[in-house]
PDB file of N, CA and C in Angstrom:
ATOM      1  N   MET A   1       6.790 -33.055  32.738  1.00  0.00           N
ATOM      2  CA  MET A   1       5.439 -33.501  32.870  1.00  0.00           C
ATOM      3  C   MET A   1       4.603 -32.352  33.423  1.00  0.00           C
ATOM      4  N   GLY A   2       3.466 -32.095  32.809  1.00  0.00           N
ATOM      5  CA  GLY A   2       2.633 -30.984  33.220  1.00  0.00           C
ATOM      6  C   GLY A   2       1.674 -31.355  34.336  1.00  0.00           C
ATOM      7  N   THR A   3       1.180 -30.357  34.968  1.00  0.00           N
ATOM      8  CA  THR A   3       0.177 -30.576  35.998  1.00  0.00           C
ATOM      9  C   THR A   3      -1.182 -30.767  35.332  1.00  0.00           C
ATOM     10  N   ASP A   4      -2.178 -31.092  36.132  1.00  0.00           N
ATOM     11  CA  ASP A   4      -3.528 -31.283  35.596  1.00  0.00           C
ATOM     12  C   ASP A   4      -4.061 -29.998  34.979  1.00  0.00           C
ATOM     13  N   ARG A   5      -3.771 -28.884  35.594  1.00  0.00           N
ATOM     14  CA  ARG A   5      -4.233 -27.594  35.072  1.00  0.00           C
ATOM     15  C   ARG A   5      -3.562 -27.293  33.733  1.00  0.00           C
ATOM     16  N   THR A   6      -2.276 -27.563  33.618  1.00  0.00           N
ATOM     17  CA  THR A   6      -1.566 -27.320  32.368  1.00  0.00           C
ATOM     18  C   THR A   6      -2.113 -28.208  31.257  1.00  0.00           C
ATOM     19  N   LEU A   7      -2.357 -29.464  31.559  1.00  0.00           N
ATOM     20  CA  LEU A   7      -2.914 -30.364  30.553  1.00  0.00           C
ATOM     21  C   LEU A   7      -4.312 -29.930  30.129  1.00  0.00           C
ATOM     22  N   PHE A   8      -5.108 -29.428  31.071  1.00  0.00           N
ATOM     23  CA  PHE A   8      -6.434 -28.927  30.737  1.00  0.00           C
ATOM     24  C   PHE A   8      -6.334 -27.734  29.793  1.00  0.00           C
ATOM     25  N   TYR A   9      -5.430 -26.796  30.075  1.00  0.00           N
ATOM     26  CA  TYR A   9      -5.257 -25.623  29.215  1.00  0.00           C
ATOM     27  C   TYR A   9      -4.758 -26.025  27.831  1.00  0.00           C
ATOM     28  N   GLU A  10      -3.857 -26.986  27.773  1.00  0.00           N
ATOM     29  CA  GLU A  10      -3.367 -27.443  26.473  1.00  0.00           C
ATOM     30  C   GLU A  10      -4.475 -28.096  25.661  1.00  0.00           C
ATOM     31  N   ALA A  11      -5.347 -28.854  26.324  1.00  0.00           N
ATOM     32  CA  ALA A  11      -6.472 -29.479  25.626  1.00  0.00           C
ATOM     33  C   ALA A  11      -7.446 -28.418  25.114  1.00  0.00           C
ATOM     34  N   VAL A  12      -7.701 -27.395  25.921  1.00  0.00           N
ATOM     35  CA  VAL A  12      -8.595 -26.321  25.492  1.00  0.00           C
ATOM     36  C   VAL A  12      -8.006 -25.581  24.286  1.00  0.00           C
ATOM     37  N   VAL A  13      -6.728 -25.292  24.333  1.00  0.00           N
ATOM     38  CA  VAL A  13      -6.076 -24.606  23.215  1.00  0.00           C
ATOM     39  C   VAL A  13      -6.105 -25.473  21.962  1.00  0.00           C
ATOM     40  N   ALA A  14      -5.918 -26.779  22.107  1.00  0.00           N
ATOM     41  CA  ALA A  14      -5.963 -27.674  20.945  1.00  0.00           C
ATOM     42  C   ALA A  14      -7.354 -27.690  20.318  1.00  0.00           C
ATOM     43  N   PHE A  15      -8.409 -27.734  21.147  1.00  0.00           N
ATOM     44  CA  PHE A  15      -9.770 -27.713  20.615  1.00  0.00           C
ATOM     45  C   PHE A  15     -10.094 -26.376  19.955  1.00  0.00           C
ATOM     46  N   VAL A  16      -9.644 -25.280  20.555  1.00  0.00           N
ATOM     47  CA  VAL A  16      -9.892 -23.961  19.964  1.00  0.00           C
ATOM     48  C   VAL A  16      -9.156 -23.836  18.636  1.00  0.00           C
ATOM     49  N   MET A  17      -7.933 -24.319  18.583  1.00  0.00           N
ATOM     50  CA  MET A  17      -7.170 -24.243  17.331  1.00  0.00           C
ATOM     51  C   MET A  17      -7.811 -25.113  16.253  1.00  0.00           C
ATOM     52  N   ALA A  18      -8.292 -26.295  16.622  1.00  0.00           N
ATOM     53  CA  ALA A  18      -8.985 -27.148  15.651  1.00  0.00           C
ATOM     54  C   ALA A  18     -10.250 -26.455  15.149  1.00  0.00           C
ATOM     55  N   GLY A  19     -10.960 -25.782  16.026  1.00  0.00           N
ATOM     56  CA  GLY A  19     -12.134 -25.031  15.611  1.00  0.00           C
ATOM     57  C   GLY A  19     -11.800 -23.885  14.676  1.00  0.00           C
ATOM     58  N   LEU A  20     -10.695 -23.187  14.965  1.00  0.00           N
ATOM     59  CA  LEU A  20     -10.266 -22.101  14.076  1.00  0.00           C
ATOM     60  C   LEU A  20      -9.868 -22.619  12.699  1.00  0.00           C
ATOM     61  N   ILE A  21      -9.200 -23.758  12.666  1.00  0.00           N
ATOM     62  CA  ILE A  21      -8.816 -24.343  11.378  1.00  0.00           C
ATOM     63  C   ILE A  21     -10.068 -24.734  10.596  1.00  0.00           C
ATOM     64  N   TYR A  22     -11.031 -25.339  11.271  1.00  0.00           N
ATOM     65  CA  TYR A  22     -12.281 -25.720  10.613  1.00  0.00           C
ATOM     66  C   TYR A  22     -13.022 -24.487  10.100  1.00  0.00           C
ATOM     67  N   LEU A  23     -13.067 -23.425  10.904  1.00  0.00           N
ATOM     68  CA  LEU A  23     -13.721 -22.187  10.499  1.00  0.00           C
ATOM     69  C   LEU A  23     -13.006 -21.542   9.315  1.00  0.00           C
ATOM     70  N   ALA A  24     -11.675 -21.524   9.352  1.00  0.00           N
ATOM     71  CA  ALA A  24     -10.913 -20.942   8.246  1.00  0.00           C
ATOM     72  C   ALA A  24     -11.127 -21.736   6.971  1.00  0.00           C
ATOM     73  N   TYR A  25     -11.192 -23.054   7.068  1.00  0.00           N
ATOM     74  CA  TYR A  25     -11.442 -23.878   5.889  1.00  0.00           C
ATOM     75  C   TYR A  25     -12.863 -23.654   5.368  1.00  0.00           C
ATOM     76  N   GLY A  26     -13.807 -23.508   6.278  1.00  0.00           N
ATOM     77  CA  GLY A  26     -15.187 -23.272   5.866  1.00  0.00           C
ATOM     78  C   GLY A  26     -15.376 -21.925   5.196  1.00  0.00           C
ATOM     79  N   LEU A  27     -14.679 -20.905   5.675  1.00  0.00           N
ATOM     80  CA  LEU A  27     -14.836 -19.568   5.110  1.00  0.00           C
ATOM     81  C   LEU A  27     -14.022 -19.358   3.839  1.00  0.00           C
ATOM     82  N   GLY A  28     -12.811 -19.853   3.809  1.00  0.00           N
ATOM     83  CA  GLY A  28     -11.947 -19.544   2.673  1.00  0.00           C
ATOM     84  C   GLY A  28     -11.295 -20.731   2.019  1.00  0.00           C
ATOM     85  N   GLY A  29     -11.679 -21.931   2.401  1.00  0.00           N
ATOM     86  CA  GLY A  29     -11.042 -23.114   1.824  1.00  0.00           C
ATOM     87  C   GLY A  29      -9.593 -23.209   2.270  1.00  0.00           C
ATOM     88  N   PHE A  30      -8.785 -23.755   1.383  1.00  0.00           N
ATOM     89  CA  PHE A  30      -7.373 -23.909   1.737  1.00  0.00           C
ATOM     90  C   PHE A  30      -6.656 -22.562   1.817  1.00  0.00           C
ATOM     91  N   LEU A  31      -7.162 -21.566   1.090  1.00  0.00           N
ATOM     92  CA  LEU A  31      -6.579 -20.232   1.200  1.00  0.00           C
ATOM     93  C   LEU A  31      -6.769 -19.686   2.619  1.00  0.00           C
ATOM     94  N   GLY A  32      -7.937 -19.927   3.207  1.00  0.00           N
ATOM     95  CA  GLY A  32      -8.184 -19.503   4.581  1.00  0.00           C
ATOM     96  C   GLY A  32      -7.261 -20.194   5.574  1.00  0.00           C
ATOM     97  N   VAL A  33      -6.978 -21.475   5.340  1.00  0.00           N
ATOM     98  CA  VAL A  33      -6.063 -22.214   6.208  1.00  0.00           C
ATOM     99  C   VAL A  33      -4.652 -21.636   6.085  1.00  0.00           C
ATOM    100  N   GLY A  34      -4.254 -21.289   4.868  1.00  0.00           N
ATOM    101  CA  GLY A  34      -2.933 -20.690   4.670  1.00  0.00           C
ATOM    102  C   GLY A  34      -2.806 -19.337   5.342  1.00  0.00           C
ATOM    103  N   VAL A  35      -3.848 -18.523   5.252  1.00  0.00           N
ATOM    104  CA  VAL A  35      -3.831 -17.213   5.905  1.00  0.00           C
ATOM    105  C   VAL A  35      -3.811 -17.378   7.425  1.00  0.00           C
ATOM    106  N   LEU A  36      -4.559 -18.340   7.946  1.00  0.00           N
ATOM    107  CA  LEU A  36      -4.511 -18.622   9.387  1.00  0.00           C
ATOM    108  C   LEU A  36      -3.098 -19.050   9.790  1.00  0.00           C
ATOM    109  N   GLY A  37      -2.438 -19.844   8.945  1.00  0.00           N
ATOM    110  CA  GLY A  37      -1.058 -20.234   9.217  1.00  0.00           C
ATOM    111  C   GLY A  37      -0.120 -19.042   9.255  1.00  0.00           C
ATOM    112  N   LEU A  38      -0.317 -18.098   8.335  1.00  0.00           N
ATOM    113  CA  LEU A  38       0.497 -16.877   8.359  1.00  0.00           C
ATOM    114  C   LEU A  38       0.273 -16.094   9.648  1.00  0.00           C
ATOM    115  N   LEU A  39      -0.963 -16.042  10.090  1.00  0.00           N
ATOM    116  CA  LEU A  39      -1.286 -15.329  11.324  1.00  0.00           C
ATOM    117  C   LEU A  39      -0.638 -16.003  12.538  1.00  0.00           C
ATOM    118  N   VAL A  40      -0.759 -17.307  12.626  1.00  0.00           N
ATOM    119  CA  VAL A  40      -0.183 -18.043  13.755  1.00  0.00           C
ATOM    120  C   VAL A  40       1.343 -17.926  13.749  1.00  0.00           C
ATOM    121  N   ALA A  41       1.954 -18.095  12.584  1.00  0.00           N
ATOM    122  CA  ALA A  41       3.414 -17.998  12.495  1.00  0.00           C
ATOM    123  C   ALA A  41       3.891 -16.580  12.814  1.00  0.00           C
ATOM    124  N   GLY A  42       3.165 -15.578  12.349  1.00  0.00           N
ATOM    125  CA  GLY A  42       3.541 -14.195  12.645  1.00  0.00           C
ATOM    126  C   GLY A  42       3.492 -13.894  14.126  1.00  0.00           C
ATOM    127  N   ILE A  43       2.452 -14.372  14.798  1.00  0.00           N
ATOM    128  CA  ILE A  43       2.352 -14.160  16.242  1.00  0.00           C
ATOM    129  C   ILE A  43       3.466 -14.890  16.974  1.00  0.00           C
ATOM    130  N   ALA A  44       3.785 -16.113  16.543  1.00  0.00           N
ATOM    131  CA  ALA A  44       4.842 -16.888  17.206  1.00  0.00           C
ATOM    132  C   ALA A  44       6.212 -16.238  17.009  1.00  0.00           C
ATOM    133  N   PHE A  45       6.483 -15.764  15.797  1.00  0.00           N
ATOM    134  CA  PHE A  45       7.775 -15.111  15.563  1.00  0.00           C
ATOM    135  C   PHE A  45       7.879 -13.796  16.325  1.00  0.00           C
ATOM    136  N   GLN A  46       6.779 -13.058  16.429  1.00  0.00           N
ATOM    137  CA  GLN A  46       6.804 -11.823  17.202  1.00  0.00           C
ATOM    138  C   GLN A  46       7.029 -12.103  18.678  1.00  0.00           C
ATOM    139  N   ALA A  47       6.418 -13.158  19.189  1.00  0.00           N
ATOM    140  CA  ALA A  47       6.641 -13.538  20.591  1.00  0.00           C
ATOM    141  C   ALA A  47       8.094 -13.937  20.814  1.00  0.00           C
ATOM    142  N   ASP A  48       8.699 -14.605  19.826  1.00  0.00           N
ATOM    143  CA  ASP A  48      10.100 -14.986  19.942  1.00  0.00           C
ATOM    144  C   ASP A  48      10.997 -13.751  19.933  1.00  0.00           C
ATOM    145  N   LEU A  49      10.688 -12.790  19.088  1.00  0.00           N
ATOM    146  CA  LEU A  49      11.483 -11.561  19.056  1.00  0.00           C
ATOM    147  C   LEU A  49      11.331 -10.771  20.352  1.00  0.00           C
ATOM    148  N   ASP A  50      10.126 -10.706  20.887  1.00  0.00           N
ATOM    149  CA  ASP A  50       9.910  -9.973  22.128  1.00  0.00           C
ATOM    150  C   ASP A  50      10.592 -10.652  23.305  1.00  0.00           C
ATOM    151  N   LYS A  51      10.713 -11.977  23.232  1.00  0.00           N
ATOM    152  CA  LYS A  51      11.349 -12.722  24.316  1.00  0.00           C
ATOM    153  C   LYS A  51      12.854 -12.467  24.350  1.00  0.00           C
ATOM    154  N   THR A  52      13.479 -12.342  23.183  1.00  0.00           N
ATOM    155  CA  THR A  52      14.929 -12.255  23.141  1.00  0.00           C
ATOM    156  C   THR A  52      15.453 -10.824  23.076  1.00  0.00           C
ATOM    157  N   SER A  53      14.657  -9.886  22.601  1.00  0.00           N
ATOM    158  CA  SER A  53      15.151  -8.518  22.479  1.00  0.00           C
ATOM    159  C   SER A  53      14.827  -7.733  23.743  1.00  0.00           C
ATOM    160  N   PRO A  54      15.621  -6.711  24.018  1.00  0.00           N
ATOM    161  CA  PRO A  54      15.314  -5.893  25.192  1.00  0.00           C
ATOM    162  C   PRO A  54      14.064  -5.064  24.944  1.00  0.00           C
ATOM    163  N   SER A  55      13.362  -4.755  26.009  1.00  0.00           N
ATOM    164  CA  SER A  55      12.171  -3.937  25.858  1.00  0.00           C
ATOM    165  C   SER A  55      12.565  -2.500  25.540  1.00  0.00           C
ATOM    166  N   TYR A  56      11.593  -1.697  25.221  1.00  0.00           N
ATOM    167  CA  TYR A  56      11.844  -0.312  24.834  1.00  0.00           C
ATOM    168  C   TYR A  56      12.487   0.473  25.971  1.00  0.00           C
ATOM    169  N   LEU A  57      12.007   0.275  27.179  1.00  0.00           N
ATOM    170  CA  LEU A  57      12.570   1.010  28.306  1.00  0.00           C
ATOM    171  C   LEU A  57      13.983   0.555  28.640  1.00  0.00           C
ATOM    172  N   ASN A  58      14.250  -0.729  28.501  1.00  0.00           N
ATOM    173  CA  ASN A  58      15.600  -1.220  28.795  1.00  0.00           C
ATOM    174  C   ASN A  58      16.604  -0.694  27.786  1.00  0.00           C
ATOM    175  N   ALA A  59      16.179  -0.404  26.569  1.00  0.00           N
ATOM    176  CA  ALA A  59      17.096   0.125  25.567  1.00  0.00           C
ATOM    177  C   ALA A  59      17.419   1.591  25.839  1.00  0.00           C
ATOM    178  N   ILE A  60      16.481   2.332  26.436  1.00  0.00           N
ATOM    179  CA  ILE A  60      16.693   3.764  26.673  1.00  0.00           C
ATOM    180  C   ILE A  60      17.396   4.018  28.007  1.00  0.00           C
ATOM    181  N   LEU A  61      16.897   3.382  29.049  1.00  0.00           N
ATOM    182  CA  LEU A  61      17.448   3.633  30.373  1.00  0.00           C
ATOM    183  C   LEU A  61      18.780   2.907  30.555  1.00  0.00           C
ATOM    184  N   PRO A  62      19.739   3.564  31.198  1.00  0.00           N
ATOM    185  CA  PRO A  62      21.011   2.877  31.438  1.00  0.00           C
ATOM    186  C   PRO A  62      20.836   1.742  32.449  1.00  0.00           C
ATOM    187  N   LYS A  63      21.605   0.687  32.246  1.00  0.00           N
ATOM    188  CA  LYS A  63      21.538  -0.452  33.170  1.00  0.00           C
ATOM    189  C   LYS A  63      22.323  -0.126  34.437  1.00  0.00           C
ATOM    190  N   PRO A  64      21.835  -0.598  35.559  1.00  0.00           N
ATOM    191  CA  PRO A  64      22.613  -0.398  36.785  1.00  0.00           C
ATOM    192  C   PRO A  64      23.887  -1.246  36.736  1.00  0.00           C
ATOM    193  N   ASP A  65      24.882  -0.809  37.483  1.00  0.00           N
ATOM    194  CA  ASP A  65      26.159  -1.519  37.486  1.00  0.00           C
ATOM    195  C   ASP A  65      26.030  -2.926  38.045  1.00  0.00           C
ATOM    196  N   LEU A  66      25.272  -3.069  39.085  1.00  0.00           N
ATOM    197  CA  LEU A  66      25.102  -4.373  39.714  1.00  0.00           C
ATOM    198  C   LEU A  66      23.685  -4.874  39.442  1.00  0.00           C
ATOM    199  N   VAL A  67      23.605  -5.964  38.726  1.00  0.00           N
ATOM    200  CA  VAL A  67      22.305  -6.574  38.462  1.00  0.00           C
ATOM    201  C   VAL A  67      22.122  -7.706  39.455  1.00  0.00           C
ATOM    202  N   ASP A  68      20.973  -7.724  40.087  1.00  0.00           N
ATOM    203  CA  ASP A  68      20.694  -8.770  41.042  1.00  0.00           C
ATOM    204  C   ASP A  68      20.672 -10.117  40.320  1.00  0.00           C
ATOM    205  N   ARG A  69      21.473 -11.058  40.788  1.00  0.00           N
ATOM    206  CA  ARG A  69      21.581 -12.353  40.104  1.00  0.00           C
ATOM    207  C   ARG A  69      20.266 -13.124  40.139  1.00  0.00           C
ATOM    208  N   ARG A  70      19.479 -12.898  41.183  1.00  0.00           N
ATOM    209  CA  ARG A  70      18.181 -13.573  41.229  1.00  0.00           C
ATOM    210  C   ARG A  70      17.251 -13.067  40.138  1.00  0.00           C
ATOM    211  N   ASP A  71      17.273 -11.769  39.883  1.00  0.00           N
ATOM    212  CA  ASP A  71      16.448 -11.216  38.808  1.00  0.00           C
ATOM    213  C   ASP A  71      16.902 -11.745  37.451  1.00  0.00           C
ATOM    214  N   GLU A  72      18.199 -11.803  37.247  1.00  0.00           N
ATOM    215  CA  GLU A  72      18.729 -12.308  35.985  1.00  0.00           C
ATOM    216  C   GLU A  72      18.380 -13.786  35.798  1.00  0.00           C
ATOM    217  N   LEU A  73      18.472 -14.566  36.857  1.00  0.00           N
ATOM    218  CA  LEU A  73      18.129 -15.982  36.789  1.00  0.00           C
ATOM    219  C   LEU A  73      16.640 -16.181  36.529  1.00  0.00           C
ATOM    220  N   SER A  74      15.804 -15.367  37.153  1.00  0.00           N
ATOM    221  CA  SER A  74      14.360 -15.500  36.927  1.00  0.00           C
ATOM    222  C   SER A  74      13.994 -15.115  35.502  1.00  0.00           C
ATOM    223  N   ARG A  75      14.637 -14.096  34.932  1.00  0.00           N
ATOM    224  CA  ARG A  75      14.386 -13.736  33.529  1.00  0.00           C
ATOM    225  C   ARG A  75      14.823 -14.857  32.596  1.00  0.00           C
ATOM    226  N   ARG A  76      15.942 -15.463  32.881  1.00  0.00           N
ATOM    227  CA  ARG A  76      16.432 -16.551  32.049  1.00  0.00           C
ATOM    228  C   ARG A  76      15.501 -17.760  32.125  1.00  0.00           C
ATOM    229  N   GLN A  77      15.036 -18.091  33.316  1.00  0.00           N
ATOM    230  CA  GLN A  77      14.105 -19.215  33.470  1.00  0.00           C
ATOM    231  C   GLN A  77      12.780 -18.937  32.768  1.00  0.00           C
ATOM    232  N   GLU A  78      12.301 -17.705  32.845  1.00  0.00           N
ATOM    233  CA  GLU A  78      11.065 -17.352  32.156  1.00  0.00           C
ATOM    234  C   GLU A  78      11.246 -17.459  30.646  1.00  0.00           C
ATOM    235  N   SER A  79      12.391 -17.029  30.148  1.00  0.00           N
ATOM    236  CA  SER A  79      12.668 -17.117  28.722  1.00  0.00           C
ATOM    237  C   SER A  79      12.754 -18.568  28.266  1.00  0.00           C
ATOM    238  N   GLU A  80      13.376 -19.419  29.070  1.00  0.00           N
ATOM    239  CA  GLU A  80      13.484 -20.835  28.719  1.00  0.00           C
ATOM    240  C   GLU A  80      12.133 -21.534  28.792  1.00  0.00           C
ATOM    241  N   SER A  81      11.269 -21.108  29.707  1.00  0.00           N
ATOM    242  CA  SER A  81       9.955 -21.745  29.816  1.00  0.00           C
ATOM    243  C   SER A  81       9.050 -21.380  28.642  1.00  0.00           C
ATOM    244  N   GLN A  82       9.322 -20.265  27.990  1.00  0.00           N
ATOM    245  CA  GLN A  82       8.528 -19.855  26.836  1.00  0.00           C
ATOM    246  C   GLN A  82       9.035 -20.456  25.528  1.00  0.00           C
ATOM    247  N   ALA A  83      10.186 -21.088  25.533  1.00  0.00           N
ATOM    248  CA  ALA A  83      10.795 -21.563  24.292  1.00  0.00           C
ATOM    249  C   ALA A  83       9.966 -22.655  23.619  1.00  0.00           C
ATOM    250  N   THR A  84       9.476 -23.618  24.361  1.00  0.00           N
ATOM    251  CA  THR A  84       8.729 -24.726  23.754  1.00  0.00           C
ATOM    252  C   THR A  84       7.383 -24.291  23.179  1.00  0.00           C
ATOM    253  N   PRO A  85       6.558 -23.516  23.894  1.00  0.00           N
ATOM    254  CA  PRO A  85       5.300 -23.084  23.280  1.00  0.00           C
ATOM    255  C   PRO A  85       5.502 -22.225  22.039  1.00  0.00           C
ATOM    256  N   ILE A  86       6.535 -21.405  22.019  1.00  0.00           N
ATOM    257  CA  ILE A  86       6.804 -20.583  20.841  1.00  0.00           C
ATOM    258  C   ILE A  86       7.224 -21.460  19.679  1.00  0.00           C
ATOM    259  N   LEU A  87       8.044 -22.475  19.930  1.00  0.00           N
ATOM    260  CA  LEU A  87       8.445 -23.396  18.875  1.00  0.00           C
ATOM    261  C   LEU A  87       7.243 -24.149  18.315  1.00  0.00           C
ATOM    262  N   VAL A  88       6.333 -24.568  19.181  1.00  0.00           N
ATOM    263  CA  VAL A  88       5.119 -25.256  18.725  1.00  0.00           C
ATOM    264  C   VAL A  88       4.286 -24.324  17.850  1.00  0.00           C
ATOM    265  N   GLY A  89       4.180 -23.061  18.234  1.00  0.00           N
ATOM    266  CA  GLY A  89       3.446 -22.090  17.426  1.00  0.00           C
ATOM    267  C   GLY A  89       4.075 -21.886  16.064  1.00  0.00           C
ATOM    268  N   LYS A  90       5.401 -21.814  16.017  1.00  0.00           N
ATOM    269  CA  LYS A  90       6.094 -21.669  14.734  1.00  0.00           C
ATOM    270  C   LYS A  90       5.863 -22.881  13.842  1.00  0.00           C
ATOM    271  N   LEU A  91       5.984 -24.071  14.407  1.00  0.00           N
ATOM    272  CA  LEU A  91       5.797 -25.290  13.615  1.00  0.00           C
ATOM    273  C   LEU A  91       4.353 -25.445  13.146  1.00  0.00           C
ATOM    274  N   LEU A  92       3.387 -25.120  14.010  1.00  0.00           N
ATOM    275  CA  LEU A  92       1.988 -25.187  13.613  1.00  0.00           C
ATOM    276  C   LEU A  92       1.694 -24.183  12.508  1.00  0.00           C
ATOM    277  N   GLY A  93       2.218 -22.976  12.639  1.00  0.00           N
ATOM    278  CA  GLY A  93       2.024 -21.970  11.594  1.00  0.00           C
ATOM    279  C   GLY A  93       2.638 -22.405  10.278  1.00  0.00           C
ATOM    280  N   LEU A  94       3.837 -22.966  10.327  1.00  0.00           N
ATOM    281  CA  LEU A  94       4.491 -23.439   9.110  1.00  0.00           C
ATOM    282  C   LEU A  94       3.705 -24.573   8.470  1.00  0.00           C
ATOM    283  N   ALA A  95       3.202 -25.496   9.282  1.00  0.00           N
ATOM    284  CA  ALA A  95       2.419 -26.609   8.740  1.00  0.00           C
ATOM    285  C   ALA A  95       1.134 -26.105   8.096  1.00  0.00           C
ATOM    286  N   LEU A  96       0.459 -25.147   8.733  1.00  0.00           N
ATOM    287  CA  LEU A  96      -0.765 -24.603   8.150  1.00  0.00           C
ATOM    288  C   LEU A  96      -0.482 -23.842   6.854  1.00  0.00           C
ATOM    289  N   ILE A  97       0.631 -23.142   6.800  1.00  0.00           N
ATOM    290  CA  ILE A  97       1.005 -22.423   5.576  1.00  0.00           C
ATOM    291  C   ILE A  97       1.251 -23.405   4.440  1.00  0.00           C
ATOM    292  N   VAL A  98       2.032 -24.450   4.716  1.00  0.00           N
ATOM    293  CA  VAL A  98       2.361 -25.426   3.673  1.00  0.00           C
ATOM    294  C   VAL A  98       1.110 -26.165   3.206  1.00  0.00           C
ATOM    295  N   VAL A  99       0.309 -26.623   4.143  1.00  0.00           N
ATOM    296  CA  VAL A  99      -0.905 -27.359   3.771  1.00  0.00           C
ATOM    297  C   VAL A  99      -1.895 -26.430   3.067  1.00  0.00           C
ATOM    298  N   GLY A 100      -2.147 -25.276   3.649  1.00  0.00           N
ATOM    299  CA  GLY A 100      -3.142 -24.365   3.093  1.00  0.00           C
ATOM    300  C   GLY A 100      -2.793 -23.878   1.705  1.00  0.00           C
ATOM    301  N   PHE A 101      -1.622 -23.274   1.552  1.00  0.00           N
ATOM    302  CA  PHE A 101      -1.245 -22.736   0.245  1.00  0.00           C
ATOM    303  C   PHE A 101      -0.868 -23.840  -0.732  1.00  0.00           C
ATOM    304  N   GLY A 102      -0.313 -24.935  -0.212  1.00  0.00           N
ATOM    305  CA  GLY A 102       0.030 -26.047  -1.102  1.00  0.00           C
ATOM    306  C   GLY A 102      -1.200 -26.650  -1.744  1.00  0.00           C
ATOM    307  N   PHE A 103      -2.208 -26.965  -0.948  1.00  0.00           N
ATOM    308  CA  PHE A 103      -3.443 -27.519  -1.510  1.00  0.00           C
ATOM    309  C   PHE A 103      -4.215 -26.471  -2.303  1.00  0.00           C
ATOM    310  N   PHE A 104      -4.080 -25.193  -1.942  1.00  0.00           N
ATOM    311  CA  PHE A 104      -4.768 -24.146  -2.706  1.00  0.00           C
ATOM    312  C   PHE A 104      -4.225 -24.091  -4.125  1.00  0.00           C
ATOM    313  N   PHE A 105      -2.917 -24.207  -4.286  1.00  0.00           N
ATOM    314  CA  PHE A 105      -2.329 -24.115  -5.627  1.00  0.00           C
ATOM    315  C   PHE A 105      -2.486 -25.403  -6.423  1.00  0.00           C
ATOM    316  N   PHE A 106      -2.603 -26.548  -5.731  1.00  0.00           N
ATOM    317  CA  PHE A 106      -2.726 -27.814  -6.456  1.00  0.00           C
ATOM    318  C   PHE A 106      -4.159 -28.209  -6.752  1.00  0.00           C
ATOM    319  N   PHE A 107      -5.125 -27.658  -6.000  1.00  0.00           N
ATOM    320  CA  PHE A 107      -6.528 -28.044  -6.232  1.00  0.00           C
ATOM    321  C   PHE A 107      -7.316 -26.858  -6.610  1.00  0.00           C
TER     322      PHE A 107
END
């Protein structure tokens, strides 16, 4: 269950996304909605890749022998907390792609 602040931010994001969908439909029709879906899905997949892959510096610098368990636990918790919003972004992008390009080709 989210806090009041979290629910407020989610409502703002939902209204902004609805506005973007309306704007994309107004500018490009269903093709615009499909392109917006590609953009949303691309950003969500990139966020998922950045969450699971090591950063550039971690790949170059050697890891210390002893990793603080608190740091490892905090990274894991942060990664788990990002899983649901990224999944929502992927599903929203996929839905916009299917609706946008599907209706573009059929109408």
